[in-house]
Amino acid sequence: MEKKDKKSVKSRIVSAAWQLFYEKGYNGTTMDDIIELSGTSKGSFYYYFSTKDELLNTLSMILDDYYEELEAKMDPEMNSFSKLLYLNYETHTMMEEKIHIDLLSSLYSTQLVSEKQSHLLDRNRNYYRLLYRIVEEGQKRGQIRSDVPASEVTRYYAMCERALVSDWCLNKGAYSLGQYSRECMPYMMEHFKA
């Protein structure tokens, strides 16, 4: 029970931080703002994070939490290929609406020069496990090609998602990420449809 409470406190801090980063900008957000919105204490904040900068590495946590929400909403009987497209559209729409593009651009660019393993590429994330389960399910149902390993389909899907976000950032958000993903992702994934 204690472990769950700790995760809950950390999740509240992370969620509050990203909400404030979007509303007030990264530089306009103080640690006191984050502590107040999350309903936690300074001690709790410093237990998980030494500085506000460390919160920038939690984007994958925000996305994983959102994927869990989306998974709970999905009809288990939905076509597995459609599930992948649904997850893509919903997540990219959320990113467009809740994560400031300048911050997202900065995060993606720092991942290119960081010497540490990118959190976005961590195969132990809920994101990758969920995608893998859906692909495997689709292969068993005959909805996704089974002559390609589920791990390869999952890797390709994740790469396509990152490509769409990177292109959106490069274009300074000149179009809707969600709508563009809705148009492009089916073409990008068509090769794997059974």
C-alpha atoms as a PDB file:
ATOM      1  CA  MET A   1       0.000   0.000   0.000  1.00  0.00           C
ATOM      2  CA  GLU A   2       2.834   2.394   0.870  1.00  0.00           C
ATOM      3  CA  LYS A   3       4.424   1.931  -2.576  1.00  0.00           C
ATOM      4  CA  LYS A   4       1.134   2.870  -4.265  1.00  0.00           C
ATOM      5  CA  ASP A   5       0.837   6.010  -2.095  1.00  0.00           C
ATOM      6  CA  LYS A   6       4.385   7.037  -3.055  1.00  0.00           C
ATOM      7  CA  LYS A   7       3.618   6.563  -6.748  1.00  0.00           C
ATOM      8  CA  SER A   8       0.455   8.581  -6.280  1.00  0.00           C
ATOM      9  CA  VAL A   9       2.370  11.480  -4.705  1.00  0.00           C
ATOM     10  CA  LYS A  10       5.006  11.383  -7.447  1.00  0.00           C
ATOM     11  CA  SER A  11       2.300  11.191 -10.126  1.00  0.00           C
ATOM     12  CA  ARG A  12       0.507  14.185  -8.629  1.00  0.00           C
ATOM     13  CA  ILE A  13       3.727  16.213  -8.651  1.00  0.00           C
ATOM     14  CA  VAL A  14       4.489  15.243 -12.248  1.00  0.00           C
ATOM     15  CA  SER A  15       0.924  15.934 -13.452  1.00  0.00           C
ATOM     16  CA  ALA A  16       0.823  19.306 -11.715  1.00  0.00           C
ATOM     17  CA  ALA A  17       4.208  20.268 -13.155  1.00  0.00           C
ATOM     18  CA  TRP A  18       3.241  19.486 -16.739  1.00  0.00           C
ATOM     19  CA  GLN A  19      -0.089  21.280 -16.385  1.00  0.00           C
ATOM     20  CA  LEU A  20       1.723  24.370 -15.119  1.00  0.00           C
ATOM     21  CA  PHE A  21       4.445  24.113 -17.768  1.00  0.00           C
ATOM     22  CA  TYR A  22       1.681  24.271 -20.371  1.00  0.00           C
ATOM     23  CA  GLU A  23      -0.280  27.079 -18.709  1.00  0.00           C
ATOM     24  CA  LYS A  24       2.562  29.289 -17.430  1.00  0.00           C
ATOM     25  CA  GLY A  25       5.542  28.077 -19.416  1.00  0.00           C
ATOM     26  CA  TYR A  26       8.518  26.273 -17.943  1.00  0.00           C
ATOM     27  CA  ASN A  27      10.300  29.436 -16.821  1.00  0.00           C
ATOM     28  CA  GLY A  28       7.082  30.913 -15.390  1.00  0.00           C
ATOM     29  CA  THR A  29       6.470  27.871 -13.199  1.00  0.00           C
ATOM     30  CA  THR A  30       8.006  27.760  -9.738  1.00  0.00           C
ATOM     31  CA  MET A  31       8.529  24.764  -7.482  1.00  0.00           C
ATOM     32  CA  ASP A  32       6.086  26.390  -5.036  1.00  0.00           C
ATOM     33  CA  ASP A  33       3.456  26.489  -7.823  1.00  0.00           C
ATOM     34  CA  ILE A  34       3.970  22.766  -8.436  1.00  0.00           C
ATOM     35  CA  ILE A  35       3.821  21.925  -4.735  1.00  0.00           C
ATOM     36  CA  GLU A  36       0.619  23.941  -4.279  1.00  0.00           C
ATOM     37  CA  LEU A  37      -1.184  22.482  -7.311  1.00  0.00           C
ATOM     38  CA  SER A  38      -0.134  18.918  -6.498  1.00  0.00           C
ATOM     39  CA  GLY A  39      -1.317  19.252  -2.894  1.00  0.00           C
ATOM     40  CA  THR A  40       1.990  17.905  -1.606  1.00  0.00           C
ATOM     41  CA  SER A  41       4.718  19.254   0.646  1.00  0.00           C
ATOM     42  CA  LYS A  42       8.222  20.550  -0.060  1.00  0.00           C
ATOM     43  CA  GLY A  43       9.558  17.433   1.624  1.00  0.00           C
ATOM     44  CA  SER A  44       7.590  15.238  -0.787  1.00  0.00           C
ATOM     45  CA  PHE A  45       8.782  17.254  -3.763  1.00  0.00           C
ATOM     46  CA  TYR A  46      12.419  16.991  -2.737  1.00  0.00           C
ATOM     47  CA  TYR A  47      12.043  13.309  -1.966  1.00  0.00           C
ATOM     48  CA  TYR A  48      11.424  12.681  -5.679  1.00  0.00           C
ATOM     49  CA  PHE A  49      13.079  15.642  -7.401  1.00  0.00           C
ATOM     50  CA  SER A  50      16.130  17.741  -6.512  1.00  0.00           C
ATOM     51  CA  THR A  51      15.271  20.477  -8.996  1.00  0.00           C
ATOM     52  CA  LYS A  52      12.518  21.575 -11.332  1.00  0.00           C
ATOM     53  CA  ASP A  53      14.756  20.559 -14.255  1.00  0.00           C
ATOM     54  CA  GLU A  54      14.465  16.898 -13.253  1.00  0.00           C
ATOM     55  CA  LEU A  55      10.756  17.050 -14.048  1.00  0.00           C
ATOM     56  CA  LEU A  56      11.597  17.456 -17.727  1.00  0.00           C
ATOM     57  CA  ASN A  57      12.624  13.798 -17.785  1.00  0.00           C
ATOM     58  CA  THR A  58       9.128  12.727 -16.749  1.00  0.00           C
ATOM     59  CA  LEU A  59       7.414  13.206 -20.118  1.00  0.00           C
ATOM     60  CA  SER A  60       7.410   9.445 -20.630  1.00  0.00           C
ATOM     61  CA  MET A  61       5.626   9.063 -17.277  1.00  0.00           C
ATOM     62  CA  ILE A  62       2.894  11.505 -18.344  1.00  0.00           C
ATOM     63  CA  LEU A  63       2.454   9.680 -21.640  1.00  0.00           C
ATOM     64  CA  ASP A  64       2.407   6.254 -19.969  1.00  0.00           C
ATOM     65  CA  ASP A  65      -0.276   7.388 -17.516  1.00  0.00           C
ATOM     66  CA  TYR A  66      -2.344   8.656 -20.435  1.00  0.00           C
ATOM     67  CA  TYR A  67      -1.936   5.374 -22.303  1.00  0.00           C
ATOM     68  CA  GLU A  68      -3.274   3.565 -19.233  1.00  0.00           C
ATOM     69  CA  GLU A  69      -6.341   5.830 -19.267  1.00  0.00           C
ATOM     70  CA  LEU A  70      -6.886   5.171 -22.962  1.00  0.00           C
ATOM     71  CA  GLU A  71      -6.475   1.420 -22.548  1.00  0.00           C
ATOM     72  CA  ALA A  72      -9.193   1.412 -19.883  1.00  0.00           C
ATOM     73  CA  LYS A  73     -11.568   3.210 -22.294  1.00  0.00           C
ATOM     74  CA  MET A  74     -10.947   0.916 -25.278  1.00  0.00           C
ATOM     75  CA  ASP A  75     -13.459  -1.751 -26.203  1.00  0.00           C
ATOM     76  CA  PRO A  76     -11.565  -5.055 -25.838  1.00  0.00           C
ATOM     77  CA  GLU A  77     -13.319  -6.308 -28.972  1.00  0.00           C
ATOM     78  CA  MET A  78     -12.100  -3.394 -31.103  1.00  0.00           C
ATOM     79  CA  ASN A  79      -9.970  -4.423 -34.069  1.00  0.00           C
ATOM     80  CA  SER A  80      -6.345  -4.430 -32.902  1.00  0.00           C
ATOM     81  CA  PHE A  81      -5.109  -2.397 -35.873  1.00  0.00           C
ATOM     82  CA  SER A  82      -7.806   0.186 -35.061  1.00  0.00           C
ATOM     83  CA  LYS A  83      -6.658   0.197 -31.425  1.00  0.00           C
ATOM     84  CA  LEU A  84      -3.195   1.308 -32.522  1.00  0.00           C
ATOM     85  CA  LEU A  85      -4.626   4.116 -34.638  1.00  0.00           C
ATOM     86  CA  TYR A  86      -6.940   5.151 -31.792  1.00  0.00           C
ATOM     87  CA  LEU A  87      -4.042   5.338 -29.321  1.00  0.00           C
ATOM     88  CA  ASN A  88      -1.991   7.366 -31.778  1.00  0.00           C
ATOM     89  CA  TYR A  89      -4.711   9.920 -32.491  1.00  0.00           C
ATOM     90  CA  GLU A  90      -5.772  10.354 -28.876  1.00  0.00           C
ATOM     91  CA  THR A  91      -2.230  10.690 -27.545  1.00  0.00           C
ATOM     92  CA  HIS A  92      -1.139  13.139 -30.212  1.00  0.00           C
ATOM     93  CA  THR A  93      -4.261  15.209 -29.633  1.00  0.00           C
ATOM     94  CA  MET A  94      -3.510  15.269 -25.892  1.00  0.00           C
ATOM     95  CA  MET A  95       0.107  16.292 -26.552  1.00  0.00           C
ATOM     96  CA  GLU A  96      -1.059  19.097 -28.820  1.00  0.00           C
ATOM     97  CA  GLU A  97      -3.516  20.365 -26.209  1.00  0.00           C
ATOM     98  CA  LYS A  98      -1.549  19.841 -22.983  1.00  0.00           C
ATOM     99  CA  ILE A  99       2.189  19.990 -23.690  1.00  0.00           C
ATOM    100  CA  HIS A 100       3.627  23.267 -24.897  1.00  0.00           C
ATOM    101  CA  ILE A 101       5.282  22.795 -28.294  1.00  0.00           C
ATOM    102  CA  ASP A 102       8.419  24.743 -27.321  1.00  0.00           C
ATOM    103  CA  LEU A 103       8.967  22.485 -24.331  1.00  0.00           C
ATOM    104  CA  LEU A 104       8.281  19.383 -26.407  1.00  0.00           C
ATOM    105  CA  SER A 105      10.738  20.554 -29.085  1.00  0.00           C
ATOM    106  CA  SER A 106      13.385  21.198 -26.472  1.00  0.00           C
ATOM    107  CA  LEU A 107      12.857  17.792 -24.877  1.00  0.00           C
ATOM    108  CA  TYR A 108      13.078  15.952 -28.177  1.00  0.00           C
ATOM    109  CA  SER A 109      16.251  17.821 -29.143  1.00  0.00           C
ATOM    110  CA  THR A 110      17.956  17.138 -25.805  1.00  0.00           C
ATOM    111  CA  GLN A 111      17.246  13.422 -26.273  1.00  0.00           C
ATOM    112  CA  LEU A 112      19.469  13.555 -29.370  1.00  0.00           C
ATOM    113  CA  VAL A 113      22.524  14.824 -27.519  1.00  0.00           C
ATOM    114  CA  SER A 114      22.034  13.202 -24.117  1.00  0.00           C
ATOM    115  CA  GLU A 115      24.552  10.552 -23.175  1.00  0.00           C
ATOM    116  CA  LYS A 116      21.986   8.831 -20.950  1.00  0.00           C
ATOM    117  CA  GLN A 117      19.451   6.306 -22.261  1.00  0.00           C
ATOM    118  CA  SER A 118      16.373   8.137 -23.508  1.00  0.00           C
ATOM    119  CA  HIS A 119      13.312   7.609 -21.328  1.00  0.00           C
ATOM    120  CA  LEU A 120      11.252   7.687 -24.498  1.00  0.00           C
ATOM    121  CA  LEU A 121      13.059   4.581 -25.776  1.00  0.00           C
ATOM    122  CA  ASP A 122      12.854   2.566 -22.559  1.00  0.00           C
ATOM    123  CA  ARG A 123      11.280  -0.755 -23.599  1.00  0.00           C
ATOM    124  CA  ASN A 124      10.119  -1.349 -20.014  1.00  0.00           C
ATOM    125  CA  ARG A 125       7.663   1.546 -20.233  1.00  0.00           C
ATOM    126  CA  ASN A 126       3.929   0.830 -20.061  1.00  0.00           C
ATOM    127  CA  TYR A 127       3.749   2.355 -23.538  1.00  0.00           C
ATOM    128  CA  TYR A 128       5.844  -0.372 -25.168  1.00  0.00           C
ATOM    129  CA  ARG A 129       4.228  -3.174 -23.177  1.00  0.00           C
ATOM    130  CA  LEU A 130       0.747  -1.988 -24.196  1.00  0.00           C
ATOM    131  CA  LEU A 131       1.691  -1.662 -27.865  1.00  0.00           C
ATOM    132  CA  TYR A 132       3.297  -5.100 -27.840  1.00  0.00           C
ATOM    133  CA  ARG A 133       0.183  -6.676 -26.281  1.00  0.00           C
ATOM    134  CA  ILE A 134      -2.070  -5.051 -28.884  1.00  0.00           C
ATOM    135  CA  VAL A 135       0.166  -6.128 -31.773  1.00  0.00           C
ATOM    136  CA  GLU A 136       0.394  -9.676 -30.436  1.00  0.00           C
ATOM    137  CA  GLU A 137      -3.379  -9.757 -29.961  1.00  0.00           C
ATOM    138  CA  GLY A 138      -3.854  -8.489 -33.521  1.00  0.00           C
ATOM    139  CA  GLN A 139      -1.549 -11.164 -34.872  1.00  0.00           C
ATOM    140  CA  LYS A 140      -3.517 -13.893 -33.082  1.00  0.00           C
ATOM    141  CA  ARG A 141      -6.780 -12.441 -34.391  1.00  0.00           C
ATOM    142  CA  GLY A 142      -5.436 -12.215 -37.943  1.00  0.00           C
ATOM    143  CA  GLN A 143      -5.722  -8.404 -37.999  1.00  0.00           C
ATOM    144  CA  ILE A 144      -1.989  -7.633 -38.002  1.00  0.00           C
ATOM    145  CA  ARG A 145       0.600  -9.510 -40.056  1.00  0.00           C
ATOM    146  CA  SER A 146       2.121 -12.379 -38.113  1.00  0.00           C
ATOM    147  CA  ASP A 147       5.116 -12.947 -40.411  1.00  0.00           C
ATOM    148  CA  VAL A 148       6.820  -9.948 -38.761  1.00  0.00           C
ATOM    149  CA  PRO A 149       7.746 -10.227 -35.062  1.00  0.00           C
ATOM    150  CA  ALA A 150       5.479  -8.248 -32.717  1.00  0.00           C
ATOM    151  CA  SER A 151       8.578  -6.506 -31.375  1.00  0.00           C
ATOM    152  CA  GLU A 152       9.404  -5.156 -34.856  1.00  0.00           C
ATOM    153  CA  VAL A 153       5.867  -3.914 -35.479  1.00  0.00           C
ATOM    154  CA  THR A 154       5.935  -2.215 -32.065  1.00  0.00           C
ATOM    155  CA  ARG A 155       9.332  -0.615 -32.767  1.00  0.00           C
ATOM    156  CA  TYR A 156       8.140   0.674 -36.143  1.00  0.00           C
ATOM    157  CA  TYR A 157       4.911   2.056 -34.665  1.00  0.00           C
ATOM    158  CA  ALA A 158       6.842   3.936 -31.957  1.00  0.00           C
ATOM    159  CA  MET A 159       9.252   5.299 -34.561  1.00  0.00           C
ATOM    160  CA  CYS A 160       6.326   6.584 -36.654  1.00  0.00           C
ATOM    161  CA  GLU A 161       4.826   8.300 -33.629  1.00  0.00           C
ATOM    162  CA  ARG A 162       8.120  10.032 -32.838  1.00  0.00           C
ATOM    163  CA  ALA A 163       8.497  11.050 -36.490  1.00  0.00           C
ATOM    164  CA  LEU A 164       5.057  12.679 -36.525  1.00  0.00           C
ATOM    165  CA  VAL A 165       5.793  14.592 -33.308  1.00  0.00           C
ATOM    166  CA  SER A 166       9.243  15.653 -34.531  1.00  0.00           C
ATOM    167  CA  ASP A 167       7.813  16.923 -37.827  1.00  0.00           C
ATOM    168  CA  TRP A 168       5.085  18.822 -35.971  1.00  0.00           C
ATOM    169  CA  CYS A 169       7.719  20.452 -33.761  1.00  0.00           C
ATOM    170  CA  LEU A 170       9.916  21.313 -36.763  1.00  0.00           C
ATOM    171  CA  ASN A 171       6.878  22.995 -38.361  1.00  0.00           C
ATOM    172  CA  LYS A 172       6.258  24.966 -35.144  1.00  0.00           C
ATOM    173  CA  GLY A 173       2.772  23.490 -34.745  1.00  0.00           C
ATOM    174  CA  ALA A 174       1.546  24.964 -38.036  1.00  0.00           C
ATOM    175  CA  TYR A 175      -1.087  22.218 -38.272  1.00  0.00           C
ATOM    176  CA  SER A 176      -3.013  19.960 -35.905  1.00  0.00           C
ATOM    177  CA  LEU A 177      -0.842  17.084 -34.695  1.00  0.00           C
ATOM    178  CA  GLY A 178      -3.888  14.951 -33.918  1.00  0.00           C
ATOM    179  CA  GLN A 179      -5.499  15.452 -37.325  1.00  0.00           C
ATOM    180  CA  TYR A 180      -2.246  15.005 -39.216  1.00  0.00           C
ATOM    181  CA  SER A 181      -1.580  11.785 -37.304  1.00  0.00           C
ATOM    182  CA  ARG A 182      -5.104  10.587 -38.073  1.00  0.00           C
ATOM    183  CA  GLU A 183      -4.376  11.084 -41.787  1.00  0.00           C
ATOM    184  CA  CYS A 184      -0.791   9.769 -41.902  1.00  0.00           C
ATOM    185  CA  MET A 185      -0.576   6.922 -39.403  1.00  0.00           C
ATOM    186  CA  PRO A 186      -2.876   4.541 -41.334  1.00  0.00           C
ATOM    187  CA  TYR A 187      -0.592   4.902 -44.380  1.00  0.00           C
ATOM    188  CA  MET A 188       2.527   4.508 -42.267  1.00  0.00           C
ATOM    189  CA  MET A 189       1.202   1.305 -40.666  1.00  0.00           C
ATOM    190  CA  GLU A 190      -0.603  -0.155 -43.721  1.00  0.00           C
ATOM    191  CA  HIS A 191       2.265  -2.559 -44.419  1.00  0.00           C
ATOM    192  CA  PHE A 192       1.483  -4.410 -41.174  1.00  0.00           C
ATOM    193  CA  LYS A 193      -2.259  -4.714 -41.623  1.00  0.00           C
ATOM    194  CA  ALA A 194      -3.359  -8.269 -42.311  1.00  0.00           C
END
